[in-house]
Amino acid sequence: MPGEFVVLKPGKEKPVLHRHHWIFSGAIQSLPKFADGDILPVRSSQGAFLGRGYFNRKSSIIGRMLAFDDTPPLEVIRRNIDGAASFRETLFDPMITNAYRLINGEGDRLPGLIVDRYDKLLVIQISTLGMERLKDTVVSILQERCRPEAIYEKSTLPSRREEGLHDLSGWLSGRPVEEVEVRENGLRFLIAPEQGQKTGFFLDHRDMRQLVRTLAAGKRVLNAFAYTGGFTVYALAGGASSVDSVDISGQAVEMARRHVVLNGFDAGQQGFYTADVFQFLRERELNYDLVVLDPPAFAKRKKDVISACRGYKDINRLAMQKMGSKTLLLTCSCSHHVDEGLFQQVVFQAASEAKRNVRIIGRHRLAPDHPVNIFHPESDYLKSFLLYLD
């Protein structure tokens, strides 16, 4: 019956035909009676069947496609979880790296779902009402496919507000643990799922940390916005002469110190500062050969873009003004609403105001466990530039 389908306006079927997962409210011609979060079949205005997705009237992205054919959605979910897990098993030797993203939302054709693996612990994030209603099914499939000892949910993303959801955190299965030790490229880190940001560790920067490791030999390094010291440990593993780590969170700085010790380095020979990075850059001499600027997302919403760009320009200008000649600056942005072109423009403005000659000698290397769906480029959010300051 026509009334049982979501019907799109003329021409609005093109993104879905191109396997883009999102359907915006303005694309809808008619809706059947449904409860928010229901899975519904979708048709074009001409009556062509396009697949099935879950829908929520509260969100401007009213629908998210799960299947682009007539395959039952739960079968698609099971198939995509299995495919995501099988792909990761080809990427990593668990004796060297056993912490990675298992499911990357639309990048693995599972909109609204993030799952990170920390050895035998899985941490999940759910950002949409439709996926929230599928949570029991997802957890059951993950238990069957991955055999984790425990699953922890940390669904605290701002996008849940628009979906009409509250934050949720808690253990879904297994015995609760305060910390889990994991390996990344042979280095050791502690994950505190209940306390850490995101799911406990910023796995998306793994390859950039490895880049710093290759650059650090004999260098004095500053790790700004250090969080729990990932770049710090990698720099020391690469032979850095010293590393200073700065973060506004005292708890994060203490964990960074623990990670340095855990990996066999002398924490007493390094600097650890609980401080606002903007103030640190303004007040300190920057006698470093390599500086890492990896701030949190300054633009969590589209309306924050202007203030975010101001913040990115300020920290980069301050660093460039004070760094010596023939030094390296790795500058990063994880703000979804600031794309690579805009971020490069901001860095250009910072260099211009700092009156420095700056060259880009490297760009972000995407971690393969964070795939970007070619049909859904909006999931590409992380940018990095490796800069050489003359």
Protein backbone atom coordinates (compact mmCIF):
# COMPACT_ATOMS: atom_id res chain seq x y z
CA MET A 1 0.00 0.00 0.00
CA PRO A 2 1.37 3.49 -0.86
CA GLY A 3 0.59 4.73 2.66
CA GLU A 4 2.97 2.19 4.19
CA PHE A 5 6.00 3.73 2.50
CA VAL A 6 8.13 6.81 2.98
CA VAL A 7 7.83 8.60 -0.35
CA LEU A 8 10.50 11.05 -1.48
CA LYS A 9 9.94 14.21 -3.49
CA PRO A 10 10.81 14.15 -7.21
CA GLY A 11 14.57 14.13 -7.71
CA LYS A 12 15.32 13.49 -4.02
CA GLU A 13 15.87 9.79 -4.65
CA LYS A 14 19.25 10.45 -6.30
CA PRO A 15 21.37 10.41 -3.09
CA VAL A 16 19.71 7.16 -2.00
CA LEU A 17 20.29 5.62 -5.42
CA HIS A 18 23.94 6.62 -4.92
CA ARG A 19 23.86 4.76 -1.58
CA HIS A 20 24.05 7.84 0.62
CA HIS A 21 22.64 6.94 4.03
CA TRP A 22 20.98 10.22 5.03
CA ILE A 23 17.52 11.46 4.11
CA PHE A 24 16.78 15.04 5.17
CA SER A 25 13.32 16.13 6.22
CA GLY A 26 13.04 18.44 3.19
CA ALA A 27 13.29 15.43 0.86
CA ILE A 28 10.08 13.84 2.16
CA GLN A 29 6.89 13.95 0.11
CA SER A 30 4.81 11.78 2.43
CA LEU A 31 5.19 9.64 5.54
CA PRO A 32 3.12 6.72 6.81
CA LYS A 33 1.97 6.49 10.39
CA PHE A 34 4.95 5.36 12.45
CA ALA A 35 6.69 5.64 15.81
CA ASP A 36 10.00 7.49 15.83
CA GLY A 37 12.79 4.96 15.43
CA ASP A 38 10.76 2.57 13.25
CA ILE A 39 12.32 0.93 10.20
CA LEU A 40 10.32 1.86 7.09
CA PRO A 41 10.47 1.05 3.37
CA VAL A 42 11.35 3.96 1.07
CA ARG A 43 10.07 4.74 -2.42
CA SER A 44 10.76 7.41 -4.99
CA SER A 45 7.96 9.71 -6.17
CA GLN A 46 7.68 7.42 -9.20
CA GLY A 47 7.09 4.38 -6.99
CA ALA A 48 10.53 2.75 -7.30
CA PHE A 49 11.55 0.78 -4.20
CA LEU A 50 14.80 2.23 -2.75
CA GLY A 51 15.39 0.16 0.38
CA ARG A 52 14.69 0.53 4.10
CA GLY A 53 15.87 2.87 6.81
CA TYR A 54 14.94 4.02 10.30
CA PHE A 55 13.16 7.35 10.75
CA ASN A 56 12.85 10.00 13.45
CA ARG A 57 10.73 13.13 13.05
CA LYS A 58 12.73 14.93 15.76
CA SER A 59 15.89 15.03 13.63
CA SER A 60 16.63 17.17 10.57
CA ILE A 61 18.18 13.98 9.20
CA ILE A 62 14.82 12.30 9.39
CA GLY A 63 15.92 8.97 7.89
CA ARG A 64 19.05 6.85 7.78
CA MET A 65 19.16 4.01 5.28
CA LEU A 66 20.10 0.53 6.47
CA ALA A 67 19.49 -1.41 3.24
CA PHE A 68 19.52 -0.20 -0.35
CA ASP A 69 17.72 -3.27 -1.68
CA ASP A 70 15.06 -5.69 -0.44
CA THR A 71 17.40 -7.54 1.96
CA PRO A 72 15.82 -7.59 5.46
CA PRO A 73 17.48 -4.84 7.57
CA LEU A 74 18.44 -7.15 10.45
CA GLU A 75 20.19 -9.41 7.97
CA VAL A 76 22.04 -6.38 6.58
CA ILE A 77 23.11 -5.35 10.08
CA ARG A 78 24.46 -8.82 10.84
CA ARG A 79 26.27 -8.96 7.50
CA ASN A 80 27.82 -5.52 7.94
CA ILE A 81 28.99 -6.22 11.50
CA ASP A 82 30.60 -9.46 10.33
CA GLY A 83 32.19 -7.68 7.37
CA ALA A 84 33.58 -4.91 9.56
CA ALA A 85 35.07 -7.39 12.04
CA SER A 86 36.56 -9.55 9.28
CA PHE A 87 38.17 -6.51 7.65
CA ARG A 88 39.82 -5.40 10.91
CA GLU A 89 41.22 -8.89 11.43
CA THR A 90 43.20 -8.41 8.22
CA LEU A 91 44.66 -5.10 9.42
CA PHE A 92 46.23 -5.86 12.77
CA ASP A 93 48.43 -8.45 14.43
CA PRO A 94 46.87 -8.62 17.91
CA MET A 95 50.30 -9.17 19.44
CA ILE A 96 51.28 -5.70 18.18
CA THR A 97 47.98 -3.79 18.06
CA ASN A 98 44.83 -4.94 19.84
CA ALA A 99 43.03 -1.59 20.11
CA TYR A 100 41.13 -0.41 17.06
CA ARG A 101 37.79 0.81 15.73
CA LEU A 102 35.64 -2.19 14.96
CA ILE A 103 32.65 -0.34 13.47
CA ASN A 104 32.83 3.20 12.10
CA GLY A 105 29.23 4.26 11.52
CA GLU A 106 28.44 5.03 7.90
CA GLY A 107 31.99 4.01 7.01
CA ASP A 108 30.88 0.45 7.72
CA ARG A 109 27.31 1.01 6.47
CA LEU A 110 25.94 1.07 10.03
CA PRO A 111 24.70 4.63 10.64
CA GLY A 112 24.50 5.68 14.26
CA LEU A 113 26.86 2.99 15.57
CA ILE A 114 30.47 3.22 16.72
CA VAL A 115 32.25 0.24 18.31
CA ASP A 116 35.86 0.32 19.51
CA ARG A 117 37.78 -2.77 20.53
CA TYR A 118 40.23 -2.66 23.44
CA ASP A 119 41.64 -6.18 23.59
CA LYS A 120 38.71 -8.23 24.95
CA LEU A 121 36.57 -5.20 25.81
CA LEU A 122 34.15 -3.57 23.38
CA VAL A 123 32.96 0.02 23.91
CA ILE A 124 29.96 1.12 21.89
CA GLN A 125 28.51 4.56 21.10
CA ILE A 126 24.99 4.98 19.74
CA SER A 127 24.01 8.36 18.35
CA THR A 128 20.54 7.82 16.86
CA LEU A 129 17.13 6.68 18.07
CA GLY A 130 16.84 4.10 15.31
CA MET A 131 20.11 2.42 16.32
CA GLU A 132 19.14 2.75 20.00
CA ARG A 133 16.08 0.62 19.30
CA LEU A 134 18.32 -1.93 17.57
CA LYS A 135 20.82 -2.03 20.44
CA ASP A 136 19.83 -5.44 21.82
CA THR A 137 20.20 -6.96 18.36
CA VAL A 138 23.57 -5.28 17.82
CA VAL A 139 24.90 -6.41 21.21
CA SER A 140 23.75 -9.97 20.56
CA ILE A 141 25.52 -10.05 17.18
CA LEU A 142 28.70 -8.53 18.66
CA GLN A 143 28.76 -11.13 21.43
CA GLU A 144 28.31 -13.96 18.95
CA ARG A 145 30.84 -12.63 16.41
CA CYS A 146 33.56 -11.10 18.61
CA ARG A 147 33.31 -13.04 21.89
CA PRO A 148 34.23 -10.05 24.11
CA GLU A 149 34.67 -10.48 27.83
CA ALA A 150 32.64 -7.31 28.41
CA ILE A 151 30.72 -4.62 26.52
CA TYR A 152 30.47 -1.06 27.82
CA GLU A 153 28.19 1.61 26.38
CA LYS A 154 29.33 5.22 26.35
CA SER A 155 26.65 7.01 24.36
CA THR A 156 27.36 10.64 25.29
CA LEU A 157 27.47 12.29 21.87
CA PRO A 158 25.88 15.75 21.44
CA SER A 159 23.95 14.49 18.41
CA ARG A 160 21.74 12.41 20.72
CA ARG A 161 19.97 15.62 21.86
CA GLU A 162 18.50 16.24 18.40
CA GLU A 163 17.37 12.62 18.33
CA GLY A 164 15.47 13.10 21.58
CA LEU A 165 17.87 10.84 23.49
CA HIS A 166 19.58 11.26 26.85
CA ASP A 167 23.17 10.26 27.54
CA LEU A 168 23.65 6.62 28.47
CA SER A 169 26.68 4.97 30.04
CA GLY A 170 26.92 1.55 31.60
CA TRP A 171 27.96 -2.05 31.33
CA LEU A 172 25.86 -4.09 28.93
CA SER A 173 27.55 -7.42 29.49
CA GLY A 174 30.44 -9.02 31.34
CA ARG A 175 32.30 -7.97 34.48
CA PRO A 176 33.01 -4.23 34.92
CA VAL A 177 36.68 -3.24 34.82
CA GLU A 178 38.32 0.07 35.76
CA GLU A 179 41.21 -0.24 33.30
CA VAL A 180 42.29 -2.38 30.40
CA GLU A 181 45.86 -2.50 29.12
CA VAL A 182 46.17 -2.51 25.34
CA ARG A 183 48.93 -2.50 22.75
CA GLU A 184 49.26 -0.09 19.85
CA ASN A 185 52.19 -0.56 17.48
CA GLY A 186 53.91 -2.43 20.30
CA LEU A 187 53.46 0.39 22.84
CA ARG A 188 51.36 0.00 25.99
CA PHE A 189 48.40 2.11 27.06
CA LEU A 190 45.72 1.96 29.75
CA ILE A 191 42.08 2.45 28.82
CA ALA A 192 39.57 3.57 31.47
CA PRO A 193 36.21 3.16 29.71
CA GLU A 194 34.15 4.84 32.41
CA GLN A 195 36.47 7.84 32.82
CA GLY A 196 38.10 8.57 29.46
CA GLN A 197 36.92 10.85 26.68
CA LYS A 198 35.13 9.31 23.70
CA THR A 199 35.45 5.54 24.16
CA GLY A 200 38.71 5.85 26.10
CA PHE A 201 41.40 6.58 23.50
CA PHE A 202 41.72 8.51 20.24
CA LEU A 203 42.30 5.56 17.93
CA ASP A 204 41.91 7.68 14.79
CA HIS A 205 45.36 9.26 15.28
CA ARG A 206 47.28 5.98 15.39
CA ASP A 207 49.08 6.52 12.09
CA MET A 208 49.90 10.15 12.92
CA ARG A 209 51.38 9.06 16.25
CA GLN A 210 53.51 6.61 14.30
CA LEU A 211 54.60 9.47 12.02
CA VAL A 212 55.73 11.45 15.06
CA ARG A 213 57.67 8.40 16.19
CA THR A 214 59.62 8.44 12.92
CA LEU A 215 60.36 12.18 13.23
CA ALA A 216 61.26 12.48 16.90
CA ALA A 217 64.85 11.20 17.11
CA GLY A 218 67.00 13.65 19.07
CA LYS A 219 64.28 16.32 19.10
CA ARG A 220 62.73 18.39 21.87
CA VAL A 221 58.98 17.83 21.52
CA LEU A 222 55.90 19.65 22.78
CA ASN A 223 52.65 17.67 22.90
CA ALA A 224 49.90 20.27 23.33
CA PHE A 225 46.37 19.12 24.17
CA ALA A 226 48.18 15.95 25.19
CA TYR A 227 45.21 14.13 26.71
CA THR A 228 46.67 10.83 28.02
CA GLY A 229 49.99 11.21 26.23
CA GLY A 230 49.72 9.13 23.06
CA PHE A 231 51.97 11.42 21.03
CA THR A 232 54.26 11.75 24.06
CA VAL A 233 54.90 8.01 24.31
CA TYR A 234 55.42 7.67 20.55
CA ALA A 235 57.89 10.57 20.51
CA LEU A 236 59.90 8.99 23.32
CA ALA A 237 59.78 5.62 21.54
CA GLY A 238 61.20 7.40 18.50
CA GLY A 239 64.17 8.72 20.46
CA ALA A 240 63.06 12.23 21.42
CA SER A 241 65.52 13.93 23.76
CA SER A 242 62.63 15.28 25.85
CA VAL A 243 58.88 15.70 25.65
CA ASP A 244 56.67 18.26 27.40
CA SER A 245 52.98 17.33 27.67
CA VAL A 246 50.30 19.97 28.29
CA ASP A 247 46.59 19.45 28.95
CA ILE A 248 43.97 21.32 30.94
CA SER A 249 42.85 18.08 32.63
CA GLY A 250 44.97 17.07 35.58
CA GLN A 251 43.55 13.55 35.39
CA ALA A 252 44.67 13.26 31.74
CA VAL A 253 48.15 14.59 32.56
CA GLU A 254 48.53 12.04 35.34
CA MET A 255 47.55 9.27 32.93
CA ALA A 256 50.11 10.59 30.43
CA ARG A 257 52.75 10.30 33.14
CA ARG A 258 51.63 6.72 33.87
CA HIS A 259 51.86 5.85 30.18
CA VAL A 260 55.42 7.16 29.99
CA VAL A 261 56.41 4.96 32.95
CA LEU A 262 54.44 1.98 31.61
CA ASN A 263 56.55 2.06 28.46
CA GLY A 264 59.84 2.10 30.33
CA PHE A 265 60.75 5.78 30.09
CA ASP A 266 61.83 8.09 32.92
CA ALA A 267 58.90 10.41 33.66
CA GLY A 268 61.17 12.55 35.82
CA GLN A 269 63.09 13.60 32.72
CA GLN A 270 59.94 14.86 30.96
CA GLY A 271 57.68 17.85 31.55
CA PHE A 272 54.02 17.46 32.51
CA TYR A 273 51.87 20.59 32.75
CA THR A 274 48.25 20.93 33.77
CA ALA A 275 47.47 24.17 31.99
CA ASP A 276 45.32 25.89 29.40
CA VAL A 277 47.21 25.43 26.13
CA PHE A 278 46.37 28.92 24.86
CA GLN A 279 47.88 30.43 28.01
CA PHE A 280 50.85 28.05 27.88
CA LEU A 281 51.64 29.10 24.31
CA ARG A 282 51.37 32.78 25.20
CA GLU A 283 53.54 32.65 28.29
CA ARG A 284 56.24 30.09 27.52
CA GLU A 285 59.23 30.07 25.26
CA LEU A 286 58.77 27.41 22.64
CA ASN A 287 62.26 25.99 22.33
CA TYR A 288 61.09 22.85 20.60
CA ASP A 289 62.10 21.10 17.41
CA LEU A 290 58.66 19.48 16.97
CA VAL A 291 55.31 20.75 18.23
CA VAL A 292 52.07 18.76 18.10
CA LEU A 293 48.81 20.73 18.26
CA ASP A 294 45.91 18.27 18.51
CA PRO A 295 43.03 20.14 20.14
CA PRO A 296 39.53 18.83 20.82
CA ALA A 297 36.80 19.72 18.35
CA PHE A 298 36.33 23.49 18.49
CA ALA A 299 33.20 23.27 16.27
CA LYS A 300 30.73 20.71 17.55
CA ARG A 301 27.90 22.43 15.66
CA LYS A 302 27.78 24.25 12.34
CA LYS A 303 27.12 27.57 14.04
CA ASP A 304 30.43 27.21 15.92
CA VAL A 305 32.57 27.32 12.75
CA ILE A 306 33.58 30.99 12.95
CA SER A 307 34.66 30.82 16.60
CA ALA A 308 36.37 27.48 15.94
CA CYS A 309 38.41 28.94 13.08
CA ARG A 310 39.41 31.81 15.35
CA GLY A 311 40.64 29.31 17.93
CA TYR A 312 42.58 27.24 15.38
CA LYS A 313 44.18 30.40 13.98
CA ASP A 314 45.17 31.63 17.44
CA ILE A 315 46.93 28.47 18.56
CA ASN A 316 48.76 28.06 15.25
CA ARG A 317 49.78 31.72 15.13
CA LEU A 318 51.07 31.61 18.71
CA ALA A 319 53.11 28.49 17.97
CA MET A 320 54.51 29.83 14.69
CA GLN A 321 55.49 33.16 16.23
CA LYS A 322 57.60 31.50 18.91
CA MET A 323 59.01 28.37 17.28
CA GLY A 324 62.54 28.48 15.95
CA SER A 325 63.69 28.09 12.38
CA LYS A 326 63.93 24.66 10.75
CA THR A 327 61.32 23.22 13.11
CA LEU A 328 58.25 21.03 12.57
CA LEU A 329 54.64 21.68 13.52
CA LEU A 330 51.99 18.96 13.32
CA THR A 331 48.63 20.72 13.51
CA CYS A 332 45.30 18.90 13.57
CA SER A 333 41.56 19.47 13.57
CA CYS A 334 38.85 16.93 14.38
CA SER A 335 35.99 19.40 13.88
CA HIS A 336 33.55 17.82 11.45
CA HIS A 337 32.27 21.22 10.28
CA VAL A 338 35.75 22.53 9.42
CA ASP A 339 36.80 20.75 6.23
CA GLU A 340 40.37 20.36 5.04
CA GLY A 341 40.21 23.31 2.66
CA LEU A 342 38.94 25.65 5.36
CA PHE A 343 41.48 24.34 7.86
CA GLN A 344 44.32 24.96 5.39
CA GLN A 345 43.02 28.51 4.89
CA VAL A 346 43.08 29.05 8.66
CA VAL A 347 46.67 27.77 8.87
CA PHE A 348 47.60 30.09 5.98
CA GLN A 349 46.16 33.05 7.89
CA ALA A 350 48.06 32.03 11.02
CA ALA A 351 51.34 31.83 9.09
CA SER A 352 50.67 35.18 7.45
CA GLU A 353 49.96 36.91 10.76
CA ALA A 354 53.00 35.25 12.34
CA LYS A 355 55.11 36.46 9.40
CA ARG A 356 56.65 33.01 8.96
CA ASN A 357 57.58 31.06 5.85
CA VAL A 358 55.71 27.77 6.22
CA ARG A 359 55.55 24.76 3.95
CA ILE A 360 53.25 21.74 4.05
CA ILE A 361 55.38 18.60 3.94
CA GLY A 362 52.75 16.06 4.96
CA ARG A 363 49.01 15.58 5.35
CA HIS A 364 46.79 13.41 7.46
CA ARG A 365 47.05 9.68 6.98
CA LEU A 366 43.68 8.05 7.54
CA ALA A 367 43.72 5.13 9.95
CA PRO A 368 42.38 2.15 7.97
CA ASP A 369 40.07 1.08 10.77
CA HIS A 370 38.27 4.45 10.33
CA PRO A 371 37.15 3.97 6.72
CA VAL A 372 35.25 6.71 4.91
CA ASN A 373 32.37 5.41 2.80
CA ILE A 374 32.97 6.73 -0.72
CA PHE A 375 29.20 7.26 -1.01
CA HIS A 376 29.06 9.13 2.31
CA PRO A 377 31.97 11.60 2.48
CA GLU A 378 30.48 13.48 5.46
CA SER A 379 32.07 10.90 7.75
CA ASP A 380 35.55 12.26 6.91
CA TYR A 381 36.34 14.61 9.80
CA LEU A 382 40.02 14.45 10.83
CA LYS A 383 42.61 16.74 9.23
CA SER A 384 46.34 17.12 9.87
CA PHE A 385 49.15 19.14 8.30
CA LEU A 386 52.82 18.54 8.95
CA LEU A 387 54.45 21.94 8.51
CA TYR A 388 58.09 22.99 8.11
CA LEU A 389 58.91 26.40 9.49
CA ASP A 390 61.88 28.03 7.73
